[in-house]
Amino acid sequence: MQAQHIMKRDVITVKNTDTVKTVVEKFIQYGISGLPVIDDNDHIIGYISDGDIMRFIGKHKDIMINTFDYMAVIKDQDEYEVRAQKLLELNVMEVAKTSVLKIAYREKVENIAAILGKKHIKKLPVERDGKLVGIISRGDVIRESFRSLL
């Protein structure tokens, strides 16, 4: 069995010109937690997940700067709601990961399972001829791998 046999073909995406607000709206609308970022030619250029967003809105540690002349502490003073609002206005590429694991259209399912398990990721975009054509989740692999065995 190959990626093409189990992938979901209707992939929810965002463009590299979208804001994080668009991402969050799609998370809410479709009940998802991550999606590929594509350019105008459907090339996968990033991936943004709920974890990426959490890192931005969470309280950041204070930074201490120590030089020969003085010591300063830079505090994360923005309130949670302020950080969240600022995040919504950012371009998606300021938050998304640009190093994206992706798999080929004809990749074998056992290789897909190994990647998902080893890398501890939830989904893998599928590409053909350099373009996004589908997405596979851990659940897709489990369901299709064991459907005929049960």
N, C-alpha and C. Protein backbone atom coordinates (compact mmCIF):
# COMPACT_ATOMS: atom_id res chain seq x y z
N MET A 1 0.85 -1.18 0.00
CA MET A 1 0.00 0.00 0.00
C MET A 1 0.90 1.24 0.00
N GLN A 2 0.49 2.25 -0.73
CA GLN A 2 1.27 3.48 -0.87
C GLN A 2 0.47 4.69 -0.35
N ALA A 3 1.19 5.80 -0.21
CA ALA A 3 0.58 7.04 0.26
C ALA A 3 -0.66 7.40 -0.55
N GLN A 4 -0.58 7.26 -1.85
CA GLN A 4 -1.69 7.63 -2.72
C GLN A 4 -2.98 6.87 -2.39
N HIS A 5 -2.87 5.69 -1.78
CA HIS A 5 -4.04 4.88 -1.47
C HIS A 5 -4.74 5.28 -0.18
N ILE A 6 -4.03 5.94 0.71
CA ILE A 6 -4.64 6.26 2.01
C ILE A 6 -4.72 7.75 2.31
N MET A 7 -4.11 8.58 1.48
CA MET A 7 -4.08 10.02 1.78
C MET A 7 -5.45 10.67 1.60
N LYS A 8 -5.65 11.73 2.34
CA LYS A 8 -6.82 12.57 2.13
C LYS A 8 -6.45 13.57 1.05
N ARG A 9 -7.30 13.68 0.05
CA ARG A 9 -6.98 14.53 -1.10
C ARG A 9 -7.45 15.98 -0.91
N ASP A 10 -8.48 16.18 -0.14
CA ASP A 10 -8.98 17.53 0.11
C ASP A 10 -8.25 18.11 1.31
N VAL A 11 -7.14 18.76 1.04
CA VAL A 11 -6.28 19.27 2.11
C VAL A 11 -6.62 20.73 2.39
N ILE A 12 -6.83 21.02 3.65
CA ILE A 12 -7.05 22.41 4.08
C ILE A 12 -5.67 23.04 4.22
N THR A 13 -5.49 24.18 3.58
CA THR A 13 -4.18 24.83 3.56
C THR A 13 -4.33 26.32 3.85
N VAL A 14 -3.19 26.96 4.01
CA VAL A 14 -3.13 28.43 4.01
C VAL A 14 -2.04 28.82 3.04
N LYS A 15 -2.14 30.02 2.54
CA LYS A 15 -1.12 30.57 1.64
C LYS A 15 -0.03 31.26 2.47
N ASN A 16 1.13 31.37 1.90
CA ASN A 16 2.24 32.02 2.59
C ASN A 16 2.00 33.52 2.81
N THR A 17 0.98 34.07 2.21
CA THR A 17 0.65 35.49 2.39
C THR A 17 -0.42 35.70 3.46
N ASP A 18 -0.98 34.62 4.00
CA ASP A 18 -2.04 34.72 5.01
C ASP A 18 -1.47 35.09 6.38
N THR A 19 -2.36 35.52 7.25
CA THR A 19 -1.98 35.83 8.63
C THR A 19 -2.30 34.64 9.52
N VAL A 20 -1.79 34.68 10.73
CA VAL A 20 -2.09 33.64 11.70
C VAL A 20 -3.58 33.63 12.02
N LYS A 21 -4.24 34.77 11.90
CA LYS A 21 -5.69 34.83 12.11
C LYS A 21 -6.40 33.85 11.17
N THR A 22 -5.99 33.80 9.92
CA THR A 22 -6.59 32.87 8.96
C THR A 22 -6.37 31.43 9.41
N VAL A 23 -5.18 31.14 9.92
CA VAL A 23 -4.86 29.79 10.42
C VAL A 23 -5.80 29.41 11.55
N VAL A 24 -5.92 30.29 12.54
CA VAL A 24 -6.75 30.00 13.71
C VAL A 24 -8.22 29.85 13.30
N GLU A 25 -8.68 30.67 12.38
CA GLU A 25 -10.05 30.54 11.89
C GLU A 25 -10.27 29.16 11.27
N LYS A 26 -9.30 28.67 10.51
CA LYS A 26 -9.43 27.33 9.91
C LYS A 26 -9.34 26.24 10.96
N PHE A 27 -8.49 26.41 11.97
CA PHE A 27 -8.43 25.45 13.06
C PHE A 27 -9.81 25.31 13.70
N ILE A 28 -10.45 26.43 13.96
CA ILE A 28 -11.77 26.44 14.60
C ILE A 28 -12.84 25.87 13.66
N GLN A 29 -12.88 26.36 12.44
CA GLN A 29 -13.90 25.95 11.47
C GLN A 29 -13.86 24.45 11.17
N TYR A 30 -12.66 23.89 11.01
CA TYR A 30 -12.54 22.50 10.58
C TYR A 30 -12.16 21.54 11.71
N GLY A 31 -11.95 22.05 12.91
CA GLY A 31 -11.59 21.19 14.03
C GLY A 31 -10.25 20.49 13.82
N ILE A 32 -9.29 21.22 13.28
CA ILE A 32 -7.96 20.66 13.01
C ILE A 32 -6.92 21.34 13.87
N SER A 33 -5.71 20.79 13.85
CA SER A 33 -4.66 21.34 14.70
C SER A 33 -3.37 21.64 13.95
N GLY A 34 -3.39 21.53 12.64
CA GLY A 34 -2.21 21.85 11.86
C GLY A 34 -2.54 21.82 10.38
N LEU A 35 -1.77 22.58 9.60
CA LEU A 35 -2.00 22.57 8.16
C LEU A 35 -0.79 23.05 7.38
N PRO A 36 -0.68 22.57 6.15
CA PRO A 36 0.44 22.99 5.31
C PRO A 36 0.28 24.44 4.84
N VAL A 37 1.43 25.08 4.65
CA VAL A 37 1.48 26.42 4.07
C VAL A 37 2.00 26.24 2.64
N ILE A 38 1.26 26.79 1.68
CA ILE A 38 1.64 26.62 0.28
C ILE A 38 1.83 27.98 -0.39
N ASP A 39 2.56 27.95 -1.50
CA ASP A 39 2.70 29.17 -2.30
C ASP A 39 1.66 29.15 -3.42
N ASP A 40 1.74 30.09 -4.33
CA ASP A 40 0.76 30.18 -5.42
C ASP A 40 0.81 29.02 -6.39
N ASN A 41 1.90 28.23 -6.35
CA ASN A 41 2.04 27.08 -7.25
C ASN A 41 1.80 25.76 -6.53
N ASP A 42 1.19 25.81 -5.35
CA ASP A 42 0.89 24.63 -4.54
C ASP A 42 2.13 23.89 -4.04
N HIS A 43 3.26 24.57 -3.96
CA HIS A 43 4.45 23.98 -3.36
C HIS A 43 4.33 24.11 -1.85
N ILE A 44 4.73 23.08 -1.14
CA ILE A 44 4.69 23.09 0.32
C ILE A 44 5.91 23.87 0.81
N ILE A 45 5.68 24.99 1.47
CA ILE A 45 6.80 25.80 1.93
C ILE A 45 6.84 25.96 3.45
N GLY A 46 5.85 25.38 4.12
CA GLY A 46 5.82 25.46 5.57
C GLY A 46 4.72 24.60 6.14
N TYR A 47 4.71 24.50 7.46
CA TYR A 47 3.65 23.78 8.17
C TYR A 47 3.46 24.49 9.49
N ILE A 48 2.20 24.75 9.84
CA ILE A 48 1.91 25.41 11.10
C ILE A 48 0.98 24.54 11.92
N SER A 49 1.32 24.39 13.19
CA SER A 49 0.53 23.53 14.07
C SER A 49 0.09 24.31 15.31
N ASP A 50 -0.78 23.67 16.08
CA ASP A 50 -1.22 24.28 17.33
C ASP A 50 -0.04 24.48 18.27
N GLY A 51 0.95 23.60 18.20
CA GLY A 51 2.15 23.75 19.03
C GLY A 51 2.94 25.00 18.69
N ASP A 52 3.02 25.32 17.40
CA ASP A 52 3.72 26.54 16.98
C ASP A 52 3.03 27.78 17.56
N ILE A 53 1.73 27.76 17.56
CA ILE A 53 0.97 28.89 18.10
C ILE A 53 1.11 28.96 19.62
N MET A 54 1.08 27.82 20.28
CA MET A 54 1.25 27.79 21.74
C MET A 54 2.58 28.42 22.16
N ARG A 55 3.63 28.14 21.42
CA ARG A 55 4.94 28.70 21.77
C ARG A 55 4.93 30.22 21.74
N PHE A 56 4.11 30.81 20.89
CA PHE A 56 4.06 32.27 20.78
C PHE A 56 3.20 32.92 21.87
N ILE A 57 2.11 32.27 22.25
CA ILE A 57 1.22 32.93 23.20
C ILE A 57 1.54 32.59 24.65
N GLY A 58 2.37 31.57 24.87
CA GLY A 58 2.76 31.22 26.23
C GLY A 58 3.66 32.28 26.83
N LYS A 59 3.68 32.34 28.14
CA LYS A 59 4.55 33.28 28.86
C LYS A 59 6.00 32.90 28.61
N HIS A 60 6.78 33.86 28.17
CA HIS A 60 8.19 33.63 27.91
C HIS A 60 9.01 34.01 29.12
N LYS A 61 10.12 33.37 29.28
CA LYS A 61 10.98 33.66 30.43
C LYS A 61 11.62 35.03 30.28
N ASP A 62 11.87 35.65 31.41
CA ASP A 62 12.60 36.90 31.40
C ASP A 62 14.04 36.64 30.95
N ILE A 63 14.62 37.58 30.26
CA ILE A 63 15.99 37.44 29.76
C ILE A 63 16.89 38.38 30.55
N MET A 64 17.99 37.85 31.06
CA MET A 64 18.93 38.67 31.82
C MET A 64 20.15 38.94 30.93
N ILE A 65 20.50 40.21 30.82
CA ILE A 65 21.66 40.61 30.05
C ILE A 65 22.69 41.16 31.02
N ASN A 66 23.88 40.59 30.98
CA ASN A 66 24.93 41.02 31.90
C ASN A 66 26.13 41.46 31.09
N THR A 67 26.48 42.73 31.22
CA THR A 67 27.68 43.24 30.56
C THR A 67 28.65 43.70 31.63
N PHE A 68 29.78 44.20 31.21
CA PHE A 68 30.77 44.67 32.18
C PHE A 68 30.25 45.89 32.95
N ASP A 69 29.44 46.72 32.31
CA ASP A 69 29.02 47.97 32.92
C ASP A 69 27.71 47.88 33.68
N TYR A 70 26.80 47.01 33.24
CA TYR A 70 25.49 46.97 33.89
C TYR A 70 24.82 45.62 33.67
N MET A 71 23.74 45.40 34.43
CA MET A 71 22.94 44.19 34.27
C MET A 71 21.49 44.65 34.04
N ALA A 72 20.84 44.07 33.05
CA ALA A 72 19.46 44.43 32.76
C ALA A 72 18.63 43.16 32.63
N VAL A 73 17.37 43.29 32.99
CA VAL A 73 16.42 42.18 32.83
C VAL A 73 15.34 42.64 31.87
N ILE A 74 15.17 41.89 30.80
CA ILE A 74 14.10 42.18 29.85
C ILE A 74 12.94 41.25 30.19
N LYS A 75 11.84 41.84 30.58
CA LYS A 75 10.70 41.04 31.02
C LYS A 75 9.66 40.91 29.92
N ASP A 76 9.00 39.75 29.94
CA ASP A 76 7.87 39.51 29.04
C ASP A 76 6.67 40.15 29.73
N GLN A 77 6.38 41.40 29.36
CA GLN A 77 5.38 42.16 30.09
C GLN A 77 3.99 42.12 29.47
N ASP A 78 3.89 41.66 28.24
CA ASP A 78 2.58 41.63 27.60
C ASP A 78 1.67 40.61 28.29
N GLU A 79 0.44 41.01 28.49
CA GLU A 79 -0.56 40.10 29.02
C GLU A 79 -0.90 39.06 27.96
N TYR A 80 -1.45 37.95 28.41
CA TYR A 80 -1.80 36.84 27.52
C TYR A 80 -2.64 37.29 26.33
N GLU A 81 -3.69 38.05 26.59
CA GLU A 81 -4.59 38.50 25.52
C GLU A 81 -3.87 39.40 24.52
N VAL A 82 -2.93 40.21 25.02
CA VAL A 82 -2.16 41.10 24.14
C VAL A 82 -1.25 40.26 23.24
N ARG A 83 -0.57 39.26 23.83
CA ARG A 83 0.28 38.38 23.02
C ARG A 83 -0.54 37.65 21.96
N ALA A 84 -1.73 37.18 22.35
CA ALA A 84 -2.59 36.46 21.41
C ALA A 84 -3.03 37.38 20.28
N GLN A 85 -3.39 38.61 20.60
CA GLN A 85 -3.83 39.56 19.57
C GLN A 85 -2.69 39.91 18.62
N LYS A 86 -1.51 40.12 19.16
CA LYS A 86 -0.34 40.41 18.31
C LYS A 86 -0.05 39.24 17.38
N LEU A 87 -0.19 38.03 17.90
CA LEU A 87 0.06 36.83 17.10
C LEU A 87 -0.87 36.74 15.91
N LEU A 88 -2.14 37.06 16.10
CA LEU A 88 -3.12 36.98 15.01
C LEU A 88 -2.75 37.85 13.82
N GLU A 89 -2.03 38.92 14.08
CA GLU A 89 -1.68 39.87 13.02
C GLU A 89 -0.41 39.48 12.25
N LEU A 90 0.34 38.51 12.77
CA LEU A 90 1.59 38.11 12.12
C LEU A 90 1.33 37.34 10.83
N ASN A 91 2.28 37.42 9.92
CA ASN A 91 2.23 36.59 8.72
C ASN A 91 2.51 35.15 9.14
N VAL A 92 1.82 34.22 8.53
CA VAL A 92 1.94 32.80 8.89
C VAL A 92 3.39 32.31 8.85
N MET A 93 4.19 32.85 7.94
CA MET A 93 5.57 32.39 7.79
C MET A 93 6.47 32.83 8.95
N GLU A 94 5.99 33.78 9.77
CA GLU A 94 6.75 34.18 10.95
C GLU A 94 6.60 33.17 12.08
N VAL A 95 5.63 32.28 11.97
CA VAL A 95 5.33 31.30 13.01
C VAL A 95 5.54 29.86 12.51
N ALA A 96 5.23 29.61 11.26
CA ALA A 96 5.28 28.26 10.70
C ALA A 96 6.70 27.72 10.64
N LYS A 97 6.80 26.41 10.70
CA LYS A 97 8.09 25.76 10.46
C LYS A 97 8.31 25.71 8.96
N THR A 98 9.52 26.05 8.55
CA THR A 98 9.82 26.04 7.11
C THR A 98 10.57 24.77 6.70
N SER A 99 11.03 24.02 7.66
CA SER A 99 11.63 22.73 7.37
C SER A 99 10.53 21.70 7.55
N VAL A 100 9.96 21.25 6.44
CA VAL A 100 8.77 20.41 6.48
C VAL A 100 9.11 18.99 6.01
N LEU A 101 8.79 18.02 6.85
CA LEU A 101 8.87 16.64 6.40
C LEU A 101 7.69 16.39 5.49
N LYS A 102 7.94 15.80 4.35
CA LYS A 102 6.87 15.47 3.42
C LYS A 102 7.21 14.15 2.77
N ILE A 103 6.21 13.52 2.21
CA ILE A 103 6.42 12.21 1.60
C ILE A 103 5.95 12.21 0.16
N ALA A 104 6.50 11.29 -0.59
CA ALA A 104 6.15 11.16 -1.99
C ALA A 104 4.83 10.42 -2.15
N TYR A 105 4.17 10.68 -3.23
CA TYR A 105 2.89 10.11 -3.60
C TYR A 105 2.91 8.58 -3.58
N ARG A 106 4.03 8.00 -3.93
CA ARG A 106 4.15 6.53 -4.01
C ARG A 106 4.92 5.93 -2.82
N GLU A 107 5.09 6.70 -1.75
CA GLU A 107 5.81 6.18 -0.57
C GLU A 107 5.04 5.02 0.05
N LYS A 108 5.76 4.01 0.50
CA LYS A 108 5.14 2.84 1.12
C LYS A 108 4.64 3.18 2.52
N VAL A 109 3.52 2.55 2.89
CA VAL A 109 2.88 2.83 4.17
C VAL A 109 3.80 2.51 5.35
N GLU A 110 4.57 1.43 5.25
CA GLU A 110 5.46 1.11 6.38
C GLU A 110 6.50 2.19 6.59
N ASN A 111 6.93 2.86 5.54
CA ASN A 111 7.88 3.97 5.69
C ASN A 111 7.19 5.19 6.29
N ILE A 112 5.96 5.40 5.89
CA ILE A 112 5.18 6.52 6.45
C ILE A 112 4.97 6.31 7.95
N ALA A 113 4.60 5.08 8.33
CA ALA A 113 4.40 4.76 9.75
C ALA A 113 5.68 5.00 10.54
N ALA A 114 6.82 4.60 9.97
CA ALA A 114 8.10 4.79 10.65
C ALA A 114 8.41 6.27 10.86
N ILE A 115 8.16 7.07 9.84
CA ILE A 115 8.43 8.52 9.96
C ILE A 115 7.53 9.15 11.01
N LEU A 116 6.24 8.86 10.94
CA LEU A 116 5.29 9.44 11.90
C LEU A 116 5.65 9.04 13.33
N GLY A 117 6.02 7.78 13.52
CA GLY A 117 6.36 7.30 14.86
C GLY A 117 7.69 7.84 15.36
N LYS A 118 8.70 7.80 14.53
CA LYS A 118 10.03 8.22 14.94
C LYS A 118 10.11 9.72 15.18
N LYS A 119 9.46 10.50 14.35
CA LYS A 119 9.54 11.96 14.46
C LYS A 119 8.48 12.55 15.38
N HIS A 120 7.56 11.71 15.88
CA HIS A 120 6.50 12.16 16.79
C HIS A 120 5.68 13.30 16.19
N ILE A 121 5.28 13.13 14.95
CA ILE A 121 4.44 14.13 14.31
C ILE A 121 3.08 13.51 13.99
N LYS A 122 2.09 14.35 13.81
CA LYS A 122 0.72 13.88 13.61
C LYS A 122 0.35 13.68 12.14
N LYS A 123 0.90 14.51 11.26
CA LYS A 123 0.51 14.47 9.85
C LYS A 123 1.71 14.68 8.95
N LEU A 124 1.60 14.13 7.75
CA LEU A 124 2.62 14.34 6.73
C LEU A 124 1.97 14.79 5.43
N PRO A 125 2.40 15.91 4.88
CA PRO A 125 1.92 16.30 3.56
C PRO A 125 2.48 15.34 2.51
N VAL A 126 1.67 15.10 1.48
CA VAL A 126 2.07 14.23 0.38
C VAL A 126 2.26 15.10 -0.85
N GLU A 127 3.39 14.89 -1.55
CA GLU A 127 3.63 15.69 -2.74
C GLU A 127 3.88 14.80 -3.95
N ARG A 128 3.53 15.36 -5.09
CA ARG A 128 3.76 14.71 -6.37
C ARG A 128 4.23 15.79 -7.33
N ASP A 129 5.34 15.55 -7.97
CA ASP A 129 5.93 16.54 -8.87
C ASP A 129 6.14 17.89 -8.16
N GLY A 130 6.51 17.83 -6.87
CA GLY A 130 6.80 19.04 -6.11
C GLY A 130 5.59 19.80 -5.60
N LYS A 131 4.39 19.27 -5.82
CA LYS A 131 3.17 19.97 -5.40
C LYS A 131 2.40 19.15 -4.38
N LEU A 132 1.70 19.85 -3.49
CA LEU A 132 0.86 19.22 -2.48
C LEU A 132 -0.32 18.52 -3.16
N VAL A 133 -0.49 17.22 -2.87
CA VAL A 133 -1.63 16.47 -3.43
C VAL A 133 -2.46 15.77 -2.37
N GLY A 134 -1.96 15.75 -1.12
CA GLY A 134 -2.71 15.07 -0.08
C GLY A 134 -2.03 15.22 1.26
N ILE A 135 -2.65 14.58 2.27
CA ILE A 135 -2.08 14.59 3.62
C ILE A 135 -2.45 13.27 4.28
N ILE A 136 -1.54 12.77 5.10
CA ILE A 136 -1.76 11.51 5.81
C ILE A 136 -1.53 11.74 7.29
N SER A 137 -2.47 11.26 8.11
CA SER A 137 -2.33 11.36 9.55
C SER A 137 -1.98 10.00 10.14
N ARG A 138 -1.59 10.01 11.40
CA ARG A 138 -1.32 8.74 12.09
C ARG A 138 -2.56 7.86 12.07
N GLY A 139 -3.72 8.48 12.27
CA GLY A 139 -4.97 7.72 12.27
C GLY A 139 -5.25 7.08 10.93
N ASP A 140 -4.94 7.77 9.84
CA ASP A 140 -5.12 7.20 8.50
C ASP A 140 -4.29 5.92 8.35
N VAL A 141 -3.05 5.96 8.80
CA VAL A 141 -2.17 4.80 8.70
C VAL A 141 -2.72 3.64 9.53
N ILE A 142 -3.12 3.92 10.75
CA ILE A 142 -3.65 2.86 11.63
C ILE A 142 -4.91 2.25 11.03
N ARG A 143 -5.86 3.09 10.64
CA ARG A 143 -7.12 2.57 10.09
C ARG A 143 -6.90 1.71 8.86
N GLU A 144 -6.11 2.19 7.93
CA GLU A 144 -5.90 1.45 6.69
C GLU A 144 -5.02 0.22 6.88
N SER A 145 -4.08 0.27 7.79
CA SER A 145 -3.21 -0.88 8.03
C SER A 145 -3.95 -2.05 8.67
N PHE A 146 -4.91 -1.75 9.51
CA PHE A 146 -5.58 -2.82 10.25
C PHE A 146 -7.00 -3.14 9.76
N ARG A 147 -7.53 -2.36 8.83
CA ARG A 147 -8.88 -2.58 8.33
C ARG A 147 -9.08 -4.01 7.84
N SER A 148 -8.16 -4.51 7.05
CA SER A 148 -8.32 -5.85 6.47
C SER A 148 -7.99 -6.96 7.47
N LEU A 149 -7.34 -6.61 8.58
CA LEU A 149 -6.96 -7.63 9.56
C LEU A 149 -8.02 -7.87 10.63
N LEU A 150 -8.98 -6.98 10.74
CA LEU A 150 -10.01 -7.12 11.78
C LEU A 150 -11.29 -7.72 11.24
